[in-house]
Amino acid sequence: MAGALAALPAPQLDALLQAYLHGGDPARIAARLDRTEPDIEASLGAALAHIDEAVRA
């Protein structure tokens, strides 16, 4: 799991950490990170898919 997290690009890792450590919906996370809500949603989806793939491997 640690390897999967370390392999994430910074924008995906930032969004994931904000979601799971600080909570909030994509709109709040987008405001905190000065990004768009669709960008945060895409980053979260990609990060979770990457972690899922790493765990299943």
PDB file of N, CA and C in Angstrom:
ATOM      1  N   MET A   1       0.820  -1.183   0.000  1.00  0.00           N
ATOM      2  CA  MET A   1       0.000   0.000   0.000  1.00  0.00           C
ATOM      3  C   MET A   1       0.876   1.264   0.000  1.00  0.00           C
ATOM      4  N   ALA A   2       1.910   1.257   0.812  1.00  0.00           N
ATOM      5  CA  ALA A   2       2.789   2.429   0.863  1.00  0.00           C
ATOM      6  C   ALA A   2       3.429   2.687  -0.491  1.00  0.00           C
ATOM      7  N   GLY A   3       3.813   1.626  -1.188  1.00  0.00           N
ATOM      8  CA  GLY A   3       4.396   1.786  -2.516  1.00  0.00           C
ATOM      9  C   GLY A   3       3.416   2.373  -3.504  1.00  0.00           C
ATOM     10  N   ALA A   4       2.157   1.952  -3.399  1.00  0.00           N
ATOM     11  CA  ALA A   4       1.123   2.477  -4.297  1.00  0.00           C
ATOM     12  C   ALA A   4       0.914   3.964  -4.051  1.00  0.00           C
ATOM     13  N   LEU A   5       0.912   4.366  -2.792  1.00  0.00           N
ATOM     14  CA  LEU A   5       0.753   5.782  -2.474  1.00  0.00           C
ATOM     15  C   LEU A   5       1.963   6.588  -2.950  1.00  0.00           C
ATOM     16  N   ALA A   6       3.141   6.047  -2.752  1.00  0.00           N
ATOM     17  CA  ALA A   6       4.361   6.751  -3.157  1.00  0.00           C
ATOM     18  C   ALA A   6       4.445   6.917  -4.670  1.00  0.00           C
ATOM     19  N   ALA A   7       3.801   6.031  -5.409  1.00  0.00           N
ATOM     20  CA  ALA A   7       3.857   6.089  -6.875  1.00  0.00           C
ATOM     21  C   ALA A   7       2.838   7.056  -7.473  1.00  0.00           C
ATOM     22  N   LEU A   8       1.935   7.573  -6.667  1.00  0.00           N
ATOM     23  CA  LEU A   8       0.917   8.493  -7.190  1.00  0.00           C
ATOM     24  C   LEU A   8       1.535   9.833  -7.567  1.00  0.00           C
ATOM     25  N   PRO A   9       1.090  10.420  -8.663  1.00  0.00           N
ATOM     26  CA  PRO A   9       1.509  11.789  -8.989  1.00  0.00           C
ATOM     27  C   PRO A   9       1.020  12.742  -7.888  1.00  0.00           C
ATOM     28  N   ALA A  10       1.753  13.808  -7.680  1.00  0.00           N
ATOM     29  CA  ALA A  10       1.439  14.756  -6.604  1.00  0.00           C
ATOM     30  C   ALA A  10      -0.011  15.248  -6.611  1.00  0.00           C
ATOM     31  N   PRO A  11      -0.590  15.621  -7.758  1.00  0.00           N
ATOM     32  CA  PRO A  11      -1.980  16.101  -7.721  1.00  0.00           C
ATOM     33  C   PRO A  11      -2.966  15.038  -7.218  1.00  0.00           C
ATOM     34  N   GLN A  12      -2.732  13.785  -7.585  1.00  0.00           N
ATOM     35  CA  GLN A  12      -3.615  12.706  -7.119  1.00  0.00           C
ATOM     36  C   GLN A  12      -3.417  12.459  -5.630  1.00  0.00           C
ATOM     37  N   LEU A  13      -2.169  12.438  -5.190  1.00  0.00           N
ATOM     38  CA  LEU A  13      -1.885  12.209  -3.777  1.00  0.00           C
ATOM     39  C   LEU A  13      -2.449  13.336  -2.924  1.00  0.00           C
ATOM     40  N   ASP A  14      -2.290  14.572  -3.362  1.00  0.00           N
ATOM     41  CA  ASP A  14      -2.826  15.712  -2.617  1.00  0.00           C
ATOM     42  C   ASP A  14      -4.335  15.606  -2.456  1.00  0.00           C
ATOM     43  N   ALA A  15      -5.029  15.286  -3.536  1.00  0.00           N
ATOM     44  CA  ALA A  15      -6.485  15.166  -3.483  1.00  0.00           C
ATOM     45  C   ALA A  15      -6.896  14.023  -2.562  1.00  0.00           C
ATOM     46  N   LEU A  16      -6.213  12.903  -2.656  1.00  0.00           N
ATOM     47  CA  LEU A  16      -6.528  11.745  -1.829  1.00  0.00           C
ATOM     48  C   LEU A  16      -6.301  12.037  -0.350  1.00  0.00           C
ATOM     49  N   LEU A  17      -5.193  12.659  -0.030  1.00  0.00           N
ATOM     50  CA  LEU A  17      -4.913  13.001   1.369  1.00  0.00           C
ATOM     51  C   LEU A  17      -5.930  13.988   1.917  1.00  0.00           C
ATOM     52  N   GLN A  18      -6.292  14.967   1.119  1.00  0.00           N
ATOM     53  CA  GLN A  18      -7.308  15.922   1.558  1.00  0.00           C
ATOM     54  C   GLN A  18      -8.629  15.220   1.840  1.00  0.00           C
ATOM     55  N   ALA A  19      -8.999  14.295   0.961  1.00  0.00           N
ATOM     56  CA  ALA A  19     -10.276  13.593   1.112  1.00  0.00           C
ATOM     57  C   ALA A  19     -10.293  12.710   2.348  1.00  0.00           C
ATOM     58  N   TYR A  20      -9.242  11.971   2.570  1.00  0.00           N
ATOM     59  CA  TYR A  20      -9.249  10.969   3.635  1.00  0.00           C
ATOM     60  C   TYR A  20      -8.728  11.470   4.974  1.00  0.00           C
ATOM     61  N   LEU A  21      -7.850  12.448   4.961  1.00  0.00           N
ATOM     62  CA  LEU A  21      -7.318  12.946   6.225  1.00  0.00           C
ATOM     63  C   LEU A  21      -8.076  14.159   6.744  1.00  0.00           C
ATOM     64  N   HIS A  22      -8.558  14.982   5.813  1.00  0.00           N
ATOM     65  CA  HIS A  22      -9.215  16.222   6.221  1.00  0.00           C
ATOM     66  C   HIS A  22     -10.707  16.234   5.921  1.00  0.00           C
ATOM     67  N   GLY A  23     -11.157  15.261   5.145  1.00  0.00           N
ATOM     68  CA  GLY A  23     -12.575  15.159   4.821  1.00  0.00           C
ATOM     69  C   GLY A  23     -13.043  16.239   3.874  1.00  0.00           C
ATOM     70  N   GLY A  24     -14.304  16.202   3.595  1.00  0.00           N
ATOM     71  CA  GLY A  24     -14.886  17.187   2.699  1.00  0.00           C
ATOM     72  C   GLY A  24     -15.210  16.611   1.347  1.00  0.00           C
ATOM     73  N   ASP A  25     -16.103  17.280   0.678  1.00  0.00           N
ATOM     74  CA  ASP A  25     -16.513  16.856  -0.653  1.00  0.00           C
ATOM     75  C   ASP A  25     -15.558  17.453  -1.696  1.00  0.00           C
ATOM     76  N   PRO A  26     -15.666  17.009  -2.934  1.00  0.00           N
ATOM     77  CA  PRO A  26     -14.751  17.511  -3.968  1.00  0.00           C
ATOM     78  C   PRO A  26     -14.749  19.036  -4.110  1.00  0.00           C
ATOM     79  N   ALA A  27     -15.871  19.679  -3.881  1.00  0.00           N
ATOM     80  CA  ALA A  27     -15.911  21.142  -3.995  1.00  0.00           C
ATOM     81  C   ALA A  27     -15.033  21.799  -2.928  1.00  0.00           C
ATOM     82  N   ARG A  28     -15.102  21.306  -1.715  1.00  0.00           N
ATOM     83  CA  ARG A  28     -14.272  21.876  -0.633  1.00  0.00           C
ATOM     84  C   ARG A  28     -12.794  21.569  -0.851  1.00  0.00           C
ATOM     85  N   ILE A  29     -12.517  20.365  -1.307  1.00  0.00           N
ATOM     86  CA  ILE A  29     -11.129  20.000  -1.574  1.00  0.00           C
ATOM     87  C   ILE A  29     -10.576  20.867  -2.704  1.00  0.00           C
ATOM     88  N   ALA A  30     -11.376  21.087  -3.735  1.00  0.00           N
ATOM     89  CA  ALA A  30     -10.962  21.938  -4.854  1.00  0.00           C
ATOM     90  C   ALA A  30     -10.631  23.342  -4.376  1.00  0.00           C
ATOM     91  N   ALA A  31     -11.444  23.874  -3.479  1.00  0.00           N
ATOM     92  CA  ALA A  31     -11.189  25.212  -2.954  1.00  0.00           C
ATOM     93  C   ALA A  31      -9.887  25.245  -2.152  1.00  0.00           C
ATOM     94  N   ARG A  32      -9.662  24.207  -1.336  1.00  0.00           N
ATOM     95  CA  ARG A  32      -8.428  24.145  -0.538  1.00  0.00           C
ATOM     96  C   ARG A  32      -7.182  24.058  -1.413  1.00  0.00           C
ATOM     97  N   LEU A  33      -7.282  23.306  -2.511  1.00  0.00           N
ATOM     98  CA  LEU A  33      -6.118  23.075  -3.360  1.00  0.00           C
ATOM     99  C   LEU A  33      -6.049  24.013  -4.561  1.00  0.00           C
ATOM    100  N   ASP A  34      -6.996  24.931  -4.656  1.00  0.00           N
ATOM    101  CA  ASP A  34      -7.069  25.885  -5.764  1.00  0.00           C
ATOM    102  C   ASP A  34      -7.083  25.165  -7.110  1.00  0.00           C
ATOM    103  N   ARG A  35      -7.981  24.178  -7.204  1.00  0.00           N
ATOM    104  CA  ARG A  35      -8.185  23.400  -8.429  1.00  0.00           C
ATOM    105  C   ARG A  35      -9.679  23.334  -8.699  1.00  0.00           C
ATOM    106  N   THR A  36     -10.051  22.818  -9.851  1.00  0.00           N
ATOM    107  CA  THR A  36     -11.471  22.714 -10.173  1.00  0.00           C
ATOM    108  C   THR A  36     -12.054  21.436  -9.564  1.00  0.00           C
ATOM    109  N   GLU A  37     -13.349  21.454  -9.342  1.00  0.00           N
ATOM    110  CA  GLU A  37     -14.021  20.279  -8.801  1.00  0.00           C
ATOM    111  C   GLU A  37     -13.898  19.068  -9.734  1.00  0.00           C
ATOM    112  N   PRO A  38     -14.102  19.231 -11.063  1.00  0.00           N
ATOM    113  CA  PRO A  38     -13.909  18.074 -11.949  1.00  0.00           C
ATOM    114  C   PRO A  38     -12.480  17.529 -11.906  1.00  0.00           C
ATOM    115  N   ASP A  39     -11.500  18.399 -11.742  1.00  0.00           N
ATOM    116  CA  ASP A  39     -10.108  17.960 -11.646  1.00  0.00           C
ATOM    117  C   ASP A  39      -9.908  17.120 -10.381  1.00  0.00           C
ATOM    118  N   ILE A  40     -10.484  17.545  -9.280  1.00  0.00           N
ATOM    119  CA  ILE A  40     -10.380  16.789  -8.026  1.00  0.00           C
ATOM    120  C   ILE A  40     -11.071  15.443  -8.169  1.00  0.00           C
ATOM    121  N   GLU A  41     -12.253  15.437  -8.750  1.00  0.00           N
ATOM    122  CA  GLU A  41     -12.979  14.172  -8.938  1.00  0.00           C
ATOM    123  C   GLU A  41     -12.172  13.203  -9.804  1.00  0.00           C
ATOM    124  N   ALA A  42     -11.565  13.718 -10.862  1.00  0.00           N
ATOM    125  CA  ALA A  42     -10.749  12.871 -11.734  1.00  0.00           C
ATOM    126  C   ALA A  42      -9.510  12.375 -10.995  1.00  0.00           C
ATOM    127  N   SER A  43      -8.882  13.235 -10.220  1.00  0.00           N
ATOM    128  CA  SER A  43      -7.695  12.837  -9.460  1.00  0.00           C
ATOM    129  C   SER A  43      -8.030  11.766  -8.441  1.00  0.00           C
ATOM    130  N   LEU A  44      -9.144  11.919  -7.746  1.00  0.00           N
ATOM    131  CA  LEU A  44      -9.549  10.918  -6.757  1.00  0.00           C
ATOM    132  C   LEU A  44      -9.851   9.581  -7.430  1.00  0.00           C
ATOM    133  N   GLY A  45     -10.560   9.626  -8.542  1.00  0.00           N
ATOM    134  CA  GLY A  45     -10.882   8.398  -9.262  1.00  0.00           C
ATOM    135  C   GLY A  45      -9.636   7.679  -9.743  1.00  0.00           C
ATOM    136  N   ALA A  46      -8.700   8.435 -10.294  1.00  0.00           N
ATOM    137  CA  ALA A  46      -7.460   7.839 -10.795  1.00  0.00           C
ATOM    138  C   ALA A  46      -6.621   7.277  -9.651  1.00  0.00           C
ATOM    139  N   ALA A  47      -6.561   8.001  -8.549  1.00  0.00           N
ATOM    140  CA  ALA A  47      -5.782   7.534  -7.398  1.00  0.00           C
ATOM    141  C   ALA A  47      -6.367   6.247  -6.836  1.00  0.00           C
ATOM    142  N   LEU A  48      -7.667   6.203  -6.686  1.00  0.00           N
ATOM    143  CA  LEU A  48      -8.304   4.999  -6.148  1.00  0.00           C
ATOM    144  C   LEU A  48      -8.152   3.813  -7.096  1.00  0.00           C
ATOM    145  N   ALA A  49      -8.233   4.057  -8.388  1.00  0.00           N
ATOM    146  CA  ALA A  49      -8.041   2.982  -9.359  1.00  0.00           C
ATOM    147  C   ALA A  49      -6.615   2.448  -9.295  1.00  0.00           C
ATOM    148  N   HIS A  50      -5.651   3.340  -9.145  1.00  0.00           N
ATOM    149  CA  HIS A  50      -4.251   2.934  -9.047  1.00  0.00           C
ATOM    150  C   HIS A  50      -4.018   2.079  -7.797  1.00  0.00           C
ATOM    151  N   ILE A  51      -4.570   2.510  -6.687  1.00  0.00           N
ATOM    152  CA  ILE A  51      -4.414   1.758  -5.432  1.00  0.00           C
ATOM    153  C   ILE A  51      -5.112   0.416  -5.536  1.00  0.00           C
ATOM    154  N   ASP A  52      -6.294   0.390  -6.112  1.00  0.00           N
ATOM    155  CA  ASP A  52      -7.024  -0.872  -6.282  1.00  0.00           C
ATOM    156  C   ASP A  52      -6.206  -1.844  -7.114  1.00  0.00           C
ATOM    157  N   GLU A  53      -5.628  -1.362  -8.201  1.00  0.00           N
ATOM    158  CA  GLU A  53      -4.816  -2.201  -9.064  1.00  0.00           C
ATOM    159  C   GLU A  53      -3.593  -2.731  -8.316  1.00  0.00           C
ATOM    160  N   ALA A  54      -2.957  -1.859  -7.529  1.00  0.00           N
ATOM    161  CA  ALA A  54      -1.765  -2.278  -6.783  1.00  0.00           C
ATOM    162  C   ALA A  54      -2.095  -3.329  -5.733  1.00  0.00           C
ATOM    163  N   VAL A  55      -3.230  -3.189  -5.088  1.00  0.00           N
ATOM    164  CA  VAL A  55      -3.631  -4.136  -4.041  1.00  0.00           C
ATOM    165  C   VAL A  55      -3.973  -5.493  -4.654  1.00  0.00           C
ATOM    166  N   ARG A  56      -4.564  -5.490  -5.825  1.00  0.00           N
ATOM    167  CA  ARG A  56      -4.968  -6.741  -6.486  1.00  0.00           C
ATOM    168  C   ARG A  56      -3.770  -7.463  -7.120  1.00  0.00           C
ATOM    169  N   ALA A  57      -2.684  -6.749  -7.352  1.00  0.00           N
ATOM    170  CA  ALA A  57      -1.509  -7.349  -8.017  1.00  0.00           C
ATOM    171  C   ALA A  57      -0.776  -8.320  -7.110  1.00  0.00           C
TER     172      ALA A  57
END
